[in-house]
Amino acid sequence: MSKILIVDDADSHLYLMQSLLSTEGYNVKIANDAQKAFTIIEEIKFDLILLDLMMPKVDGFQLLDRIKANKKYKKIPVIILSVRSDMKSIGCSIKKGAFDYIVKPSNIQDVKNKIKLALSNY
């Protein structure tokens, strides 16, 4: 069973995604801020991270940098799920090492397909 961490400051989105992905057979953990997320990443070996960009204090870009700078975690595929649809945010995310970028609101089947693709390449 693949372990997925969802990081988003919107609780409604966290719980919805957790529910949808759990029914697909994934072991899903959630964090509503980047600092909690990194603590969880240090405790559990995840196969994939779904990451929002716009969060208070530490944003998704900063967490992505921290993940990719650490030898232990840098190979974990990170898919960005964000309302930001501008090319600068998308390009910056990919440049920083994100596996893929999905604009919210997103089609759940698209999210599931990209998760399967990322896990098959992991």
N, C-alpha and C. Protein backbone atom coordinates (compact mmCIF):
# COMPACT_ATOMS: atom_id res chain seq x y z
N MET A 1 0.85 -1.18 0.00
CA MET A 1 0.00 0.00 0.00
C MET A 1 0.89 1.24 0.00
N SER A 2 0.73 2.09 -1.00
CA SER A 2 1.53 3.31 -1.11
C SER A 2 1.11 4.33 -0.07
N LYS A 3 2.10 5.03 0.49
CA LYS A 3 1.84 6.06 1.50
C LYS A 3 1.91 7.43 0.84
N ILE A 4 0.84 8.20 1.02
CA ILE A 4 0.74 9.54 0.43
C ILE A 4 0.54 10.56 1.54
N LEU A 5 1.28 11.66 1.46
CA LEU A 5 1.08 12.79 2.37
C LEU A 5 0.43 13.92 1.58
N ILE A 6 -0.66 14.46 2.13
CA ILE A 6 -1.32 15.62 1.52
C ILE A 6 -1.05 16.82 2.43
N VAL A 7 -0.53 17.90 1.85
CA VAL A 7 -0.22 19.11 2.61
C VAL A 7 -1.03 20.26 2.02
N ASP A 8 -1.94 20.80 2.84
CA ASP A 8 -2.82 21.87 2.38
C ASP A 8 -3.38 22.57 3.62
N ASP A 9 -3.47 23.88 3.59
CA ASP A 9 -4.01 24.60 4.76
C ASP A 9 -5.54 24.64 4.76
N ALA A 10 -6.17 24.18 3.70
CA ALA A 10 -7.64 24.13 3.63
C ALA A 10 -8.11 22.76 4.11
N ASP A 11 -8.63 22.72 5.33
CA ASP A 11 -9.04 21.44 5.91
C ASP A 11 -10.06 20.70 5.06
N SER A 12 -10.99 21.43 4.45
CA SER A 12 -12.01 20.77 3.63
C SER A 12 -11.36 20.02 2.46
N HIS A 13 -10.36 20.61 1.85
CA HIS A 13 -9.65 19.96 0.75
C HIS A 13 -8.87 18.75 1.26
N LEU A 14 -8.22 18.91 2.41
CA LEU A 14 -7.45 17.81 3.00
C LEU A 14 -8.33 16.58 3.22
N TYR A 15 -9.46 16.79 3.89
CA TYR A 15 -10.32 15.66 4.24
C TYR A 15 -10.99 15.04 3.01
N LEU A 16 -11.35 15.86 2.05
CA LEU A 16 -11.93 15.34 0.81
C LEU A 16 -10.92 14.47 0.07
N MET A 17 -9.70 14.99 -0.12
CA MET A 17 -8.66 14.23 -0.82
C MET A 17 -8.29 12.97 -0.04
N GLN A 18 -8.21 13.09 1.28
CA GLN A 18 -7.88 11.92 2.10
C GLN A 18 -8.93 10.82 1.91
N SER A 19 -10.18 11.21 1.93
CA SER A 19 -11.27 10.25 1.76
C SER A 19 -11.23 9.60 0.38
N LEU A 20 -11.09 10.42 -0.65
CA LEU A 20 -11.08 9.91 -2.03
C LEU A 20 -9.90 8.97 -2.28
N LEU A 21 -8.73 9.33 -1.78
CA LEU A 21 -7.54 8.49 -2.03
C LEU A 21 -7.50 7.26 -1.13
N SER A 22 -8.06 7.37 0.05
CA SER A 22 -8.13 6.20 0.94
C SER A 22 -9.01 5.11 0.32
N THR A 23 -10.10 5.52 -0.33
CA THR A 23 -10.98 4.53 -0.96
C THR A 23 -10.30 3.88 -2.17
N GLU A 24 -9.23 4.48 -2.67
CA GLU A 24 -8.46 3.90 -3.77
C GLU A 24 -7.39 2.92 -3.24
N GLY A 25 -7.32 2.80 -1.89
CA GLY A 25 -6.37 1.86 -1.31
C GLY A 25 -5.06 2.47 -0.85
N TYR A 26 -4.94 3.78 -0.90
CA TYR A 26 -3.71 4.43 -0.44
C TYR A 26 -3.77 4.67 1.06
N ASN A 27 -2.60 4.61 1.70
CA ASN A 27 -2.46 4.98 3.10
C ASN A 27 -2.17 6.47 3.12
N VAL A 28 -3.14 7.28 3.53
CA VAL A 28 -3.05 8.73 3.39
C VAL A 28 -2.91 9.41 4.75
N LYS A 29 -1.90 10.27 4.86
CA LYS A 29 -1.70 11.13 6.02
C LYS A 29 -1.90 12.56 5.55
N ILE A 30 -2.27 13.45 6.49
CA ILE A 30 -2.50 14.84 6.13
C ILE A 30 -1.75 15.78 7.07
N ALA A 31 -1.44 16.96 6.55
CA ALA A 31 -0.83 18.03 7.35
C ALA A 31 -1.39 19.35 6.85
N ASN A 32 -1.78 20.23 7.79
CA ASN A 32 -2.37 21.50 7.36
C ASN A 32 -1.39 22.67 7.37
N ASP A 33 -0.11 22.37 7.56
CA ASP A 33 0.92 23.39 7.34
C ASP A 33 2.26 22.71 7.05
N ALA A 34 3.16 23.48 6.48
CA ALA A 34 4.44 22.93 6.01
C ALA A 34 5.32 22.43 7.15
N GLN A 35 5.29 23.11 8.27
CA GLN A 35 6.13 22.68 9.39
C GLN A 35 5.68 21.32 9.92
N LYS A 36 4.37 21.12 10.07
CA LYS A 36 3.85 19.81 10.50
C LYS A 36 4.20 18.75 9.46
N ALA A 37 4.09 19.13 8.20
CA ALA A 37 4.37 18.19 7.12
C ALA A 37 5.80 17.68 7.20
N PHE A 38 6.76 18.58 7.42
CA PHE A 38 8.15 18.13 7.46
C PHE A 38 8.40 17.23 8.66
N THR A 39 7.76 17.50 9.76
CA THR A 39 7.88 16.63 10.93
C THR A 39 7.37 15.23 10.60
N ILE A 40 6.23 15.16 9.92
CA ILE A 40 5.66 13.87 9.52
C ILE A 40 6.57 13.17 8.51
N ILE A 41 7.14 13.92 7.57
CA ILE A 41 8.04 13.35 6.56
C ILE A 41 9.26 12.71 7.23
N GLU A 42 9.71 13.31 8.33
CA GLU A 42 10.86 12.75 9.05
C GLU A 42 10.52 11.46 9.78
N GLU A 43 9.24 11.26 10.08
CA GLU A 43 8.81 10.08 10.83
C GLU A 43 8.36 8.91 9.95
N ILE A 44 7.80 9.22 8.79
CA ILE A 44 7.20 8.20 7.92
C ILE A 44 7.82 8.30 6.53
N LYS A 45 8.10 7.14 5.92
CA LYS A 45 8.65 7.12 4.56
C LYS A 45 7.46 7.14 3.58
N PHE A 46 7.29 8.26 2.92
CA PHE A 46 6.19 8.41 1.97
C PHE A 46 6.63 8.05 0.56
N ASP A 47 5.64 7.59 -0.22
CA ASP A 47 5.89 7.25 -1.62
C ASP A 47 5.54 8.42 -2.54
N LEU A 48 4.75 9.39 -2.01
CA LEU A 48 4.32 10.53 -2.81
C LEU A 48 3.80 11.63 -1.88
N ILE A 49 3.99 12.88 -2.31
CA ILE A 49 3.48 14.02 -1.56
C ILE A 49 2.64 14.89 -2.50
N LEU A 50 1.42 15.23 -2.06
CA LEU A 50 0.57 16.20 -2.76
C LEU A 50 0.70 17.49 -1.97
N LEU A 51 1.12 18.57 -2.63
CA LEU A 51 1.50 19.78 -1.92
C LEU A 51 0.82 21.03 -2.49
N ASP A 52 0.17 21.77 -1.60
CA ASP A 52 -0.39 23.07 -1.95
C ASP A 52 0.72 24.11 -1.87
N LEU A 53 0.63 25.16 -2.66
CA LEU A 53 1.66 26.21 -2.62
C LEU A 53 1.33 27.31 -1.63
N MET A 54 0.07 27.72 -1.60
CA MET A 54 -0.31 28.90 -0.82
C MET A 54 -0.72 28.51 0.60
N MET A 55 0.25 28.63 1.50
CA MET A 55 0.02 28.33 2.91
C MET A 55 0.67 29.42 3.76
N PRO A 56 0.14 29.66 4.96
CA PRO A 56 0.74 30.68 5.82
C PRO A 56 2.11 30.23 6.37
N LYS A 57 2.87 31.18 6.82
CA LYS A 57 4.21 30.97 7.40
C LYS A 57 5.18 30.40 6.38
N VAL A 58 5.18 29.09 6.19
CA VAL A 58 6.07 28.44 5.23
C VAL A 58 5.21 27.99 4.04
N ASP A 59 5.52 28.51 2.85
CA ASP A 59 4.69 28.14 1.70
C ASP A 59 5.18 26.84 1.05
N GLY A 60 4.43 26.38 0.06
CA GLY A 60 4.75 25.14 -0.62
C GLY A 60 6.09 25.16 -1.33
N PHE A 61 6.47 26.30 -1.88
CA PHE A 61 7.78 26.40 -2.54
C PHE A 61 8.90 26.13 -1.54
N GLN A 62 8.78 26.70 -0.35
CA GLN A 62 9.81 26.52 0.67
C GLN A 62 9.86 25.07 1.14
N LEU A 63 8.71 24.43 1.30
CA LEU A 63 8.70 23.02 1.70
C LEU A 63 9.28 22.15 0.58
N LEU A 64 8.93 22.45 -0.65
CA LEU A 64 9.48 21.70 -1.79
C LEU A 64 11.01 21.81 -1.80
N ASP A 65 11.53 23.02 -1.59
CA ASP A 65 12.98 23.22 -1.51
C ASP A 65 13.59 22.35 -0.42
N ARG A 66 12.95 22.34 0.72
CA ARG A 66 13.47 21.60 1.88
C ARG A 66 13.47 20.08 1.60
N ILE A 67 12.42 19.59 0.97
CA ILE A 67 12.33 18.17 0.63
C ILE A 67 13.43 17.81 -0.38
N LYS A 68 13.54 18.60 -1.44
CA LYS A 68 14.48 18.27 -2.51
C LYS A 68 15.94 18.51 -2.12
N ALA A 69 16.19 19.29 -1.07
CA ALA A 69 17.56 19.54 -0.60
C ALA A 69 18.06 18.42 0.31
N ASN A 70 17.16 17.55 0.75
CA ASN A 70 17.52 16.50 1.69
C ASN A 70 17.69 15.17 0.96
N LYS A 71 18.88 14.58 1.06
CA LYS A 71 19.17 13.31 0.37
C LYS A 71 18.15 12.22 0.68
N LYS A 72 17.65 12.22 1.91
CA LYS A 72 16.71 11.19 2.36
C LYS A 72 15.36 11.28 1.66
N TYR A 73 14.95 12.48 1.27
CA TYR A 73 13.59 12.69 0.76
C TYR A 73 13.53 13.15 -0.69
N LYS A 74 14.65 13.53 -1.26
CA LYS A 74 14.63 14.19 -2.57
C LYS A 74 14.03 13.35 -3.69
N LYS A 75 14.04 12.02 -3.55
CA LYS A 75 13.48 11.17 -4.62
C LYS A 75 11.97 10.97 -4.51
N ILE A 76 11.38 11.43 -3.40
CA ILE A 76 9.92 11.30 -3.25
C ILE A 76 9.25 12.21 -4.29
N PRO A 77 8.39 11.64 -5.15
CA PRO A 77 7.70 12.51 -6.11
C PRO A 77 6.72 13.45 -5.40
N VAL A 78 6.76 14.70 -5.81
CA VAL A 78 5.88 15.72 -5.25
C VAL A 78 5.00 16.25 -6.39
N ILE A 79 3.69 16.17 -6.19
CA ILE A 79 2.75 16.75 -7.15
C ILE A 79 2.15 17.99 -6.49
N ILE A 80 2.29 19.11 -7.17
CA ILE A 80 1.71 20.36 -6.67
C ILE A 80 0.23 20.41 -7.03
N LEU A 81 -0.60 20.74 -6.04
CA LEU A 81 -2.03 20.96 -6.24
C LEU A 81 -2.31 22.38 -5.77
N SER A 82 -2.52 23.30 -6.69
CA SER A 82 -2.64 24.71 -6.31
C SER A 82 -3.67 25.45 -7.16
N VAL A 83 -4.24 26.51 -6.58
CA VAL A 83 -5.15 27.37 -7.34
C VAL A 83 -4.36 28.29 -8.27
N ARG A 84 -3.06 28.42 -8.02
CA ARG A 84 -2.23 29.28 -8.88
C ARG A 84 -2.08 28.62 -10.25
N SER A 85 -2.49 29.34 -11.27
CA SER A 85 -2.44 28.78 -12.62
C SER A 85 -1.46 29.53 -13.52
N ASP A 86 -0.69 30.43 -12.94
CA ASP A 86 0.25 31.22 -13.74
C ASP A 86 1.49 30.39 -14.11
N MET A 87 2.05 30.71 -15.26
CA MET A 87 3.20 29.97 -15.78
C MET A 87 4.42 30.09 -14.87
N LYS A 88 4.55 31.21 -14.17
CA LYS A 88 5.70 31.38 -13.27
C LYS A 88 5.65 30.36 -12.12
N SER A 89 4.49 30.19 -11.52
CA SER A 89 4.34 29.22 -10.42
C SER A 89 4.55 27.78 -10.92
N ILE A 90 3.97 27.48 -12.07
CA ILE A 90 4.10 26.13 -12.64
C ILE A 90 5.56 25.86 -12.98
N GLY A 91 6.19 26.78 -13.70
CA GLY A 91 7.59 26.61 -14.10
C GLY A 91 8.52 26.52 -12.90
N CYS A 92 8.30 27.35 -11.92
CA CYS A 92 9.13 27.36 -10.71
C CYS A 92 9.01 26.02 -9.97
N SER A 93 7.80 25.50 -9.88
CA SER A 93 7.57 24.22 -9.20
C SER A 93 8.32 23.08 -9.89
N ILE A 94 8.21 23.03 -11.19
CA ILE A 94 8.88 21.97 -11.95
C ILE A 94 10.41 22.13 -11.84
N LYS A 95 10.88 23.37 -11.94
CA LYS A 95 12.31 23.65 -11.82
C LYS A 95 12.85 23.23 -10.45
N LYS A 96 12.03 23.40 -9.42
CA LYS A 96 12.44 23.04 -8.06
C LYS A 96 12.36 21.53 -7.80
N GLY A 97 11.83 20.78 -8.77
CA GLY A 97 11.82 19.33 -8.63
C GLY A 97 10.47 18.66 -8.50
N ALA A 98 9.37 19.41 -8.64
CA ALA A 98 8.04 18.78 -8.58
C ALA A 98 7.88 17.83 -9.75
N PHE A 99 7.23 16.71 -9.50
CA PHE A 99 6.97 15.72 -10.55
C PHE A 99 5.93 16.24 -11.54
N ASP A 100 4.92 16.92 -11.00
CA ASP A 100 3.83 17.42 -11.84
C ASP A 100 3.12 18.56 -11.12
N TYR A 101 2.22 19.21 -11.83
CA TYR A 101 1.50 20.37 -11.30
C TYR A 101 0.05 20.26 -11.74
N ILE A 102 -0.87 20.34 -10.79
CA ILE A 102 -2.30 20.28 -11.09
C ILE A 102 -2.96 21.54 -10.53
N VAL A 103 -3.74 22.21 -11.38
CA VAL A 103 -4.44 23.42 -10.95
C VAL A 103 -5.78 23.03 -10.31
N LYS A 104 -6.04 23.60 -9.10
CA LYS A 104 -7.33 23.40 -8.42
C LYS A 104 -8.33 24.44 -8.91
N PRO A 105 -9.61 24.14 -8.96
CA PRO A 105 -10.17 22.83 -8.65
C PRO A 105 -9.77 21.83 -9.72
N SER A 106 -9.53 20.62 -9.29
CA SER A 106 -9.01 19.61 -10.20
C SER A 106 -9.99 18.47 -10.42
N ASN A 107 -9.81 17.81 -11.51
CA ASN A 107 -10.58 16.62 -11.83
C ASN A 107 -9.95 15.47 -11.05
N ILE A 108 -10.73 14.80 -10.20
CA ILE A 108 -10.17 13.75 -9.34
C ILE A 108 -9.56 12.61 -10.16
N GLN A 109 -10.13 12.31 -11.32
CA GLN A 109 -9.56 11.25 -12.15
C GLN A 109 -8.17 11.65 -12.66
N ASP A 110 -8.01 12.93 -12.98
CA ASP A 110 -6.71 13.44 -13.41
C ASP A 110 -5.69 13.30 -12.27
N VAL A 111 -6.12 13.64 -11.06
CA VAL A 111 -5.25 13.51 -9.89
C VAL A 111 -4.85 12.05 -9.69
N LYS A 112 -5.82 11.15 -9.75
CA LYS A 112 -5.54 9.72 -9.58
C LYS A 112 -4.57 9.21 -10.65
N ASN A 113 -4.78 9.62 -11.90
CA ASN A 113 -3.89 9.19 -12.99
C ASN A 113 -2.46 9.68 -12.78
N LYS A 114 -2.32 10.93 -12.36
CA LYS A 114 -0.98 11.48 -12.14
C LYS A 114 -0.31 10.85 -10.94
N ILE A 115 -1.07 10.49 -9.93
CA ILE A 115 -0.52 9.78 -8.78
C ILE A 115 0.01 8.41 -9.23
N LYS A 116 -0.79 7.69 -10.00
CA LYS A 116 -0.36 6.37 -10.49
C LYS A 116 0.90 6.49 -11.33
N LEU A 117 0.97 7.48 -12.19
CA LEU A 117 2.15 7.71 -13.01
C LEU A 117 3.38 8.02 -12.16
N ALA A 118 3.21 8.91 -11.19
CA ALA A 118 4.34 9.25 -10.32
C ALA A 118 4.82 8.04 -9.52
N LEU A 119 3.88 7.26 -9.01
CA LEU A 119 4.26 6.07 -8.22
C LEU A 119 4.95 5.02 -9.08
N SER A 120 4.53 4.92 -10.34
CA SER A 120 5.16 3.92 -11.22
C SER A 120 6.58 4.31 -11.61
N ASN A 121 6.88 5.62 -11.50
CA ASN A 121 8.23 6.11 -11.82
C ASN A 121 9.11 6.22 -10.59
N TYR A 122 8.57 5.97 -9.42
CA TYR A 122 9.28 6.16 -8.15
C TYR A 122 10.21 5.00 -7.86
